[in-house]
Amino acid sequence: MASEKDAALAAVPNDNPTIFDKIIKKEIPSTVVYEDEKVLAFRDINPQAPTHIVIIPKVKDGLSGLSKAEERHVEILGSLLYVAKVVAKQEGLEDGYRIVINDGPSGCQSVYHIHVHLLGGRQLNWPPG
């Protein structure tokens, strides 16, 4: 299996449906931990920490990555971070957690549908990588 770095370098940004679109449509199973009208959060299938949740907007609206954000995306970006806080509490991460948004090939982004990683459940190190 290819590494995350290899997957990120091979990924091509485009407007085609992503694996996340298929998860939103329930075409691919996932373990959902939070859902509302705007946001979906589910367990990562390749966790990098005991708790590893992926939080995505249900509508991409051109927001394939953080570098593509425009003023019209301010509300959904805030919602993603607020949901990260809600899910962290729900998951019992009182001692802390990390939020990660990968952007572009050098940022190791492998799925071009903006997403937030919520990582916790163990002592995280700094610098991250």
N, C-alpha and C. Protein backbone atom coordinates (compact mmCIF):
# COMPACT_ATOMS: atom_id res chain seq x y z
N MET A 1 0.84 -1.19 0.00
CA MET A 1 0.00 0.00 0.00
C MET A 1 0.88 1.25 0.00
N ALA A 2 0.52 2.23 -0.79
CA ALA A 2 1.28 3.46 -0.90
C ALA A 2 1.17 4.27 0.39
N SER A 3 2.22 5.04 0.67
CA SER A 3 2.20 5.90 1.84
C SER A 3 1.28 7.10 1.60
N GLU A 4 0.94 7.79 2.67
CA GLU A 4 0.13 9.00 2.53
C GLU A 4 0.85 10.02 1.66
N LYS A 5 2.16 10.12 1.82
CA LYS A 5 2.94 11.06 1.01
C LYS A 5 2.83 10.69 -0.47
N ASP A 6 2.96 9.41 -0.78
CA ASP A 6 2.84 8.96 -2.18
C ASP A 6 1.44 9.26 -2.72
N ALA A 7 0.42 9.00 -1.90
CA ALA A 7 -0.97 9.27 -2.32
C ALA A 7 -1.16 10.76 -2.58
N ALA A 8 -0.58 11.59 -1.72
CA ALA A 8 -0.72 13.04 -1.89
C ALA A 8 -0.02 13.51 -3.16
N LEU A 9 1.15 12.97 -3.43
CA LEU A 9 1.88 13.37 -4.63
C LEU A 9 1.19 12.89 -5.90
N ALA A 10 0.46 11.79 -5.81
CA ALA A 10 -0.24 11.25 -6.97
C ALA A 10 -1.62 11.89 -7.18
N ALA A 11 -2.18 12.49 -6.14
CA ALA A 11 -3.53 13.06 -6.23
C ALA A 11 -3.54 14.25 -7.19
N VAL A 12 -4.61 14.36 -7.94
CA VAL A 12 -4.76 15.45 -8.90
C VAL A 12 -6.00 16.25 -8.51
N PRO A 13 -5.81 17.54 -8.18
CA PRO A 13 -6.98 18.36 -7.84
C PRO A 13 -7.90 18.52 -9.06
N ASN A 14 -9.18 18.27 -8.86
CA ASN A 14 -10.17 18.48 -9.92
C ASN A 14 -11.55 18.55 -9.27
N ASP A 15 -12.56 18.75 -10.09
CA ASP A 15 -13.92 18.87 -9.57
C ASP A 15 -14.68 17.55 -9.59
N ASN A 16 -14.01 16.45 -9.91
CA ASN A 16 -14.67 15.15 -9.92
C ASN A 16 -15.07 14.74 -8.51
N PRO A 17 -16.07 13.88 -8.39
CA PRO A 17 -16.45 13.39 -7.06
C PRO A 17 -15.26 12.68 -6.38
N THR A 18 -15.16 12.86 -5.09
CA THR A 18 -14.09 12.24 -4.31
C THR A 18 -14.68 11.12 -3.46
N ILE A 19 -13.81 10.41 -2.77
CA ILE A 19 -14.27 9.38 -1.85
C ILE A 19 -15.20 10.00 -0.79
N PHE A 20 -14.96 11.25 -0.43
CA PHE A 20 -15.81 11.90 0.57
C PHE A 20 -17.22 12.13 0.02
N ASP A 21 -17.34 12.45 -1.26
CA ASP A 21 -18.66 12.59 -1.86
C ASP A 21 -19.43 11.27 -1.77
N LYS A 22 -18.72 10.17 -1.98
CA LYS A 22 -19.35 8.85 -1.88
C LYS A 22 -19.76 8.52 -0.45
N ILE A 23 -18.96 8.96 0.52
CA ILE A 23 -19.31 8.76 1.93
C ILE A 23 -20.53 9.59 2.28
N ILE A 24 -20.58 10.83 1.83
CA ILE A 24 -21.73 11.70 2.09
C ILE A 24 -23.01 11.07 1.53
N LYS A 25 -22.92 10.49 0.34
CA LYS A 25 -24.09 9.87 -0.31
C LYS A 25 -24.38 8.46 0.22
N LYS A 26 -23.58 8.02 1.18
CA LYS A 26 -23.73 6.68 1.78
C LYS A 26 -23.47 5.56 0.78
N GLU A 27 -22.70 5.86 -0.27
CA GLU A 27 -22.32 4.84 -1.24
C GLU A 27 -21.15 4.01 -0.73
N ILE A 28 -20.39 4.58 0.19
CA ILE A 28 -19.28 3.90 0.86
C ILE A 28 -19.57 3.96 2.35
N PRO A 29 -19.46 2.84 3.05
CA PRO A 29 -19.75 2.85 4.48
C PRO A 29 -18.70 3.63 5.27
N SER A 30 -19.13 4.21 6.36
CA SER A 30 -18.23 4.90 7.28
C SER A 30 -18.85 4.83 8.67
N THR A 31 -18.02 5.06 9.65
CA THR A 31 -18.49 5.11 11.03
C THR A 31 -18.70 6.58 11.39
N VAL A 32 -19.93 7.04 11.23
CA VAL A 32 -20.27 8.44 11.46
C VAL A 32 -20.35 8.69 12.96
N VAL A 33 -19.71 9.78 13.40
CA VAL A 33 -19.77 10.16 14.81
C VAL A 33 -20.54 11.47 15.02
N TYR A 34 -20.78 12.19 13.92
CA TYR A 34 -21.53 13.45 14.00
C TYR A 34 -22.06 13.76 12.60
N GLU A 35 -23.28 14.29 12.57
CA GLU A 35 -23.84 14.73 11.30
C GLU A 35 -24.89 15.79 11.56
N ASP A 36 -24.84 16.86 10.79
CA ASP A 36 -25.91 17.85 10.77
C ASP A 36 -26.16 18.23 9.31
N GLU A 37 -26.89 19.28 9.07
CA GLU A 37 -27.24 19.63 7.69
C GLU A 37 -26.04 20.09 6.86
N LYS A 38 -24.94 20.54 7.51
CA LYS A 38 -23.80 21.08 6.79
C LYS A 38 -22.54 20.23 6.85
N VAL A 39 -22.40 19.44 7.92
CA VAL A 39 -21.12 18.80 8.22
C VAL A 39 -21.32 17.31 8.53
N LEU A 40 -20.34 16.51 8.14
CA LEU A 40 -20.30 15.09 8.46
C LEU A 40 -18.94 14.78 9.07
N ALA A 41 -18.94 14.01 10.16
CA ALA A 41 -17.69 13.59 10.81
C ALA A 41 -17.71 12.08 10.97
N PHE A 42 -16.60 11.44 10.63
CA PHE A 42 -16.52 9.98 10.67
C PHE A 42 -15.10 9.56 11.03
N ARG A 43 -14.98 8.32 11.49
CA ARG A 43 -13.67 7.78 11.88
C ARG A 43 -12.81 7.53 10.64
N ASP A 44 -11.55 7.92 10.73
CA ASP A 44 -10.60 7.70 9.64
C ASP A 44 -10.33 6.20 9.51
N ILE A 45 -10.27 5.69 8.29
CA ILE A 45 -10.03 4.26 8.09
C ILE A 45 -8.57 3.87 8.29
N ASN A 46 -7.68 4.87 8.36
CA ASN A 46 -6.26 4.62 8.61
C ASN A 46 -5.81 5.55 9.74
N PRO A 47 -6.30 5.28 10.96
CA PRO A 47 -6.06 6.23 12.06
C PRO A 47 -4.59 6.42 12.40
N GLN A 48 -4.25 7.67 12.68
CA GLN A 48 -2.89 8.03 13.07
C GLN A 48 -2.79 8.31 14.57
N ALA A 49 -3.89 8.11 15.28
CA ALA A 49 -3.95 8.28 16.74
C ALA A 49 -5.13 7.43 17.21
N PRO A 50 -5.21 7.13 18.51
CA PRO A 50 -6.34 6.35 19.00
C PRO A 50 -7.70 6.93 18.60
N THR A 51 -7.80 8.26 18.61
CA THR A 51 -8.98 8.94 18.08
C THR A 51 -8.54 9.72 16.85
N HIS A 52 -9.12 9.38 15.71
CA HIS A 52 -8.81 10.09 14.46
C HIS A 52 -10.11 10.21 13.68
N ILE A 53 -10.65 11.42 13.69
CA ILE A 53 -11.93 11.72 13.05
C ILE A 53 -11.68 12.66 11.88
N VAL A 54 -12.38 12.43 10.77
CA VAL A 54 -12.33 13.32 9.61
C VAL A 54 -13.63 14.10 9.58
N ILE A 55 -13.53 15.42 9.45
CA ILE A 55 -14.70 16.30 9.47
C ILE A 55 -14.74 17.03 8.13
N ILE A 56 -15.90 16.90 7.44
CA ILE A 56 -16.00 17.45 6.08
C ILE A 56 -17.29 18.25 5.92
N PRO A 57 -17.26 19.24 5.01
CA PRO A 57 -18.52 19.88 4.63
C PRO A 57 -19.28 18.96 3.69
N LYS A 58 -20.59 18.94 3.79
CA LYS A 58 -21.39 18.09 2.89
C LYS A 58 -21.44 18.65 1.47
N VAL A 59 -21.24 19.94 1.33
CA VAL A 59 -21.21 20.58 0.01
C VAL A 59 -19.82 21.19 -0.16
N LYS A 60 -19.12 20.77 -1.21
CA LYS A 60 -17.75 21.23 -1.43
C LYS A 60 -17.70 22.70 -1.86
N ASP A 61 -18.59 23.14 -2.73
CA ASP A 61 -18.68 24.54 -3.16
C ASP A 61 -17.32 25.12 -3.58
N GLY A 62 -16.55 24.33 -4.33
CA GLY A 62 -15.25 24.82 -4.80
C GLY A 62 -14.15 24.79 -3.76
N LEU A 63 -14.47 24.33 -2.57
CA LEU A 63 -13.51 24.34 -1.46
C LEU A 63 -12.77 23.00 -1.42
N SER A 64 -11.89 22.81 -2.39
CA SER A 64 -11.14 21.57 -2.46
C SER A 64 -10.02 21.53 -1.43
N GLY A 65 -9.56 22.69 -1.02
CA GLY A 65 -8.51 22.80 -0.01
C GLY A 65 -8.56 24.18 0.62
N LEU A 66 -7.86 24.37 1.71
CA LEU A 66 -7.89 25.65 2.40
C LEU A 66 -7.38 26.79 1.52
N SER A 67 -6.42 26.50 0.68
CA SER A 67 -5.88 27.54 -0.21
C SER A 67 -6.91 28.03 -1.23
N LYS A 68 -7.99 27.31 -1.40
CA LYS A 68 -9.06 27.71 -2.33
C LYS A 68 -10.18 28.48 -1.61
N ALA A 69 -10.03 28.72 -0.32
CA ALA A 69 -11.08 29.40 0.45
C ALA A 69 -11.29 30.83 -0.05
N GLU A 70 -12.56 31.20 -0.08
CA GLU A 70 -12.96 32.56 -0.42
C GLU A 70 -13.85 33.07 0.71
N GLU A 71 -14.16 34.35 0.66
CA GLU A 71 -14.97 34.94 1.74
C GLU A 71 -16.29 34.19 1.93
N ARG A 72 -16.86 33.67 0.85
CA ARG A 72 -18.13 32.95 0.98
C ARG A 72 -18.02 31.66 1.79
N HIS A 73 -16.79 31.18 2.02
CA HIS A 73 -16.57 29.95 2.76
C HIS A 73 -16.37 30.15 4.27
N VAL A 74 -16.39 31.40 4.72
CA VAL A 74 -16.10 31.68 6.13
C VAL A 74 -17.02 30.90 7.06
N GLU A 75 -18.30 30.87 6.76
CA GLU A 75 -19.25 30.19 7.65
C GLU A 75 -18.97 28.69 7.75
N ILE A 76 -18.74 28.03 6.64
CA ILE A 76 -18.51 26.58 6.69
C ILE A 76 -17.16 26.27 7.34
N LEU A 77 -16.16 27.11 7.12
CA LEU A 77 -14.87 26.89 7.79
C LEU A 77 -15.03 26.99 9.30
N GLY A 78 -15.80 27.96 9.76
CA GLY A 78 -16.08 28.07 11.19
C GLY A 78 -16.86 26.87 11.70
N SER A 79 -17.80 26.40 10.91
CA SER A 79 -18.59 25.22 11.31
C SER A 79 -17.71 23.99 11.45
N LEU A 80 -16.75 23.81 10.55
CA LEU A 80 -15.86 22.66 10.64
C LEU A 80 -15.07 22.68 11.95
N LEU A 81 -14.57 23.84 12.32
CA LEU A 81 -13.80 23.94 13.57
C LEU A 81 -14.69 23.78 14.80
N TYR A 82 -15.89 24.34 14.75
CA TYR A 82 -16.81 24.18 15.88
C TYR A 82 -17.20 22.72 16.04
N VAL A 83 -17.48 22.03 14.95
CA VAL A 83 -17.82 20.61 15.03
C VAL A 83 -16.63 19.81 15.57
N ALA A 84 -15.41 20.20 15.22
CA ALA A 84 -14.23 19.53 15.78
C ALA A 84 -14.24 19.63 17.30
N LYS A 85 -14.58 20.78 17.82
CA LYS A 85 -14.65 20.97 19.28
C LYS A 85 -15.75 20.10 19.88
N VAL A 86 -16.92 20.06 19.24
CA VAL A 86 -18.05 19.27 19.73
C VAL A 86 -17.68 17.78 19.74
N VAL A 87 -17.09 17.31 18.65
CA VAL A 87 -16.73 15.90 18.55
C VAL A 87 -15.62 15.55 19.55
N ALA A 88 -14.65 16.45 19.73
CA ALA A 88 -13.59 16.20 20.70
C ALA A 88 -14.18 15.98 22.09
N LYS A 89 -15.14 16.80 22.47
CA LYS A 89 -15.79 16.63 23.77
C LYS A 89 -16.55 15.31 23.82
N GLN A 90 -17.28 15.01 22.76
CA GLN A 90 -18.05 13.77 22.65
C GLN A 90 -17.14 12.54 22.76
N GLU A 91 -15.92 12.65 22.23
CA GLU A 91 -14.95 11.55 22.23
C GLU A 91 -14.14 11.49 23.53
N GLY A 92 -14.38 12.42 24.45
CA GLY A 92 -13.68 12.41 25.73
C GLY A 92 -12.25 12.89 25.68
N LEU A 93 -11.94 13.81 24.78
CA LEU A 93 -10.58 14.32 24.63
C LEU A 93 -10.33 15.54 25.50
N GLU A 94 -10.65 15.42 26.79
CA GLU A 94 -10.52 16.56 27.72
C GLU A 94 -9.08 17.03 27.88
N ASP A 95 -8.10 16.11 27.70
CA ASP A 95 -6.70 16.47 27.91
C ASP A 95 -6.08 17.18 26.71
N GLY A 96 -6.83 17.27 25.62
CA GLY A 96 -6.32 17.97 24.45
C GLY A 96 -6.40 17.13 23.20
N TYR A 97 -6.19 17.79 22.09
CA TYR A 97 -6.27 17.16 20.77
C TYR A 97 -5.61 18.07 19.76
N ARG A 98 -5.45 17.58 18.56
CA ARG A 98 -4.86 18.36 17.48
C ARG A 98 -5.83 18.41 16.31
N ILE A 99 -5.87 19.57 15.66
CA ILE A 99 -6.64 19.79 14.44
C ILE A 99 -5.62 19.96 13.30
N VAL A 100 -5.83 19.23 12.21
CA VAL A 100 -4.92 19.31 11.06
C VAL A 100 -5.74 19.51 9.80
N ILE A 101 -5.29 20.46 8.96
CA ILE A 101 -5.84 20.63 7.62
C ILE A 101 -4.66 20.55 6.67
N ASN A 102 -4.59 19.48 5.90
CA ASN A 102 -3.54 19.34 4.90
C ASN A 102 -3.96 20.11 3.65
N ASP A 103 -3.00 20.80 3.02
CA ASP A 103 -3.33 21.58 1.83
C ASP A 103 -2.25 21.41 0.78
N GLY A 104 -2.64 20.87 -0.37
CA GLY A 104 -1.73 20.71 -1.49
C GLY A 104 -0.77 19.55 -1.33
N PRO A 105 -0.01 19.26 -2.38
CA PRO A 105 0.90 18.11 -2.37
C PRO A 105 1.94 18.17 -1.26
N SER A 106 2.56 19.31 -1.05
CA SER A 106 3.58 19.42 0.00
C SER A 106 2.97 19.37 1.40
N GLY A 107 1.67 19.67 1.50
CA GLY A 107 0.97 19.56 2.77
C GLY A 107 0.39 18.17 2.98
N CYS A 108 0.65 17.27 2.05
CA CYS A 108 0.22 15.86 2.11
C CYS A 108 -1.29 15.70 1.97
N GLN A 109 -1.92 16.57 1.17
CA GLN A 109 -3.35 16.44 0.91
C GLN A 109 -3.57 15.40 -0.18
N SER A 110 -4.35 14.37 0.13
CA SER A 110 -4.58 13.30 -0.84
C SER A 110 -6.03 13.25 -1.34
N VAL A 111 -6.94 13.97 -0.66
CA VAL A 111 -8.34 14.05 -1.11
C VAL A 111 -8.67 15.53 -1.26
N TYR A 112 -9.05 15.93 -2.47
CA TYR A 112 -9.31 17.34 -2.74
C TYR A 112 -10.78 17.70 -2.50
N HIS A 113 -11.13 17.62 -1.23
CA HIS A 113 -12.41 18.05 -0.65
C HIS A 113 -11.99 18.46 0.74
N ILE A 114 -12.03 19.75 1.05
CA ILE A 114 -11.46 20.20 2.33
C ILE A 114 -11.94 19.32 3.46
N HIS A 115 -11.03 19.03 4.37
CA HIS A 115 -11.37 18.21 5.52
C HIS A 115 -10.43 18.53 6.68
N VAL A 116 -10.98 18.35 7.86
CA VAL A 116 -10.25 18.59 9.10
C VAL A 116 -10.01 17.23 9.75
N HIS A 117 -8.78 17.01 10.17
CA HIS A 117 -8.46 15.81 10.96
C HIS A 117 -8.47 16.19 12.43
N LEU A 118 -9.19 15.45 13.23
CA LEU A 118 -9.20 15.60 14.68
C LEU A 118 -8.44 14.40 15.24
N LEU A 119 -7.31 14.66 15.89
CA LEU A 119 -6.44 13.61 16.41
C LEU A 119 -6.30 13.75 17.92
N GLY A 120 -6.40 12.65 18.63
CA GLY A 120 -6.22 12.68 20.08
C GLY A 120 -6.19 11.29 20.67
N GLY A 121 -6.23 11.25 21.98
CA GLY A 121 -6.23 9.98 22.68
C GLY A 121 -4.85 9.49 23.06
N ARG A 122 -3.82 10.28 22.77
CA ARG A 122 -2.44 9.98 23.17
C ARG A 122 -1.67 11.29 23.19
N GLN A 123 -0.47 11.26 23.76
CA GLN A 123 0.38 12.44 23.76
C GLN A 123 0.90 12.66 22.35
N LEU A 124 0.58 13.80 21.78
CA LEU A 124 1.07 14.16 20.44
C LEU A 124 2.39 14.89 20.58
N ASN A 125 3.23 14.80 19.56
CA ASN A 125 4.56 15.41 19.59
C ASN A 125 4.59 16.67 18.75
N TRP A 126 5.66 17.48 18.98
CA TRP A 126 5.90 18.68 18.21
C TRP A 126 7.37 18.75 17.89
N PRO A 127 7.78 19.08 16.70
CA PRO A 127 6.93 19.41 15.57
C PRO A 127 6.23 18.17 15.01
N PRO A 128 5.14 18.39 14.28
CA PRO A 128 4.33 17.26 13.83
C PRO A 128 4.95 16.44 12.70
N GLY A 129 5.80 16.99 11.88
CA GLY A 129 6.33 16.14 10.82
C GLY A 129 7.11 16.91 9.87
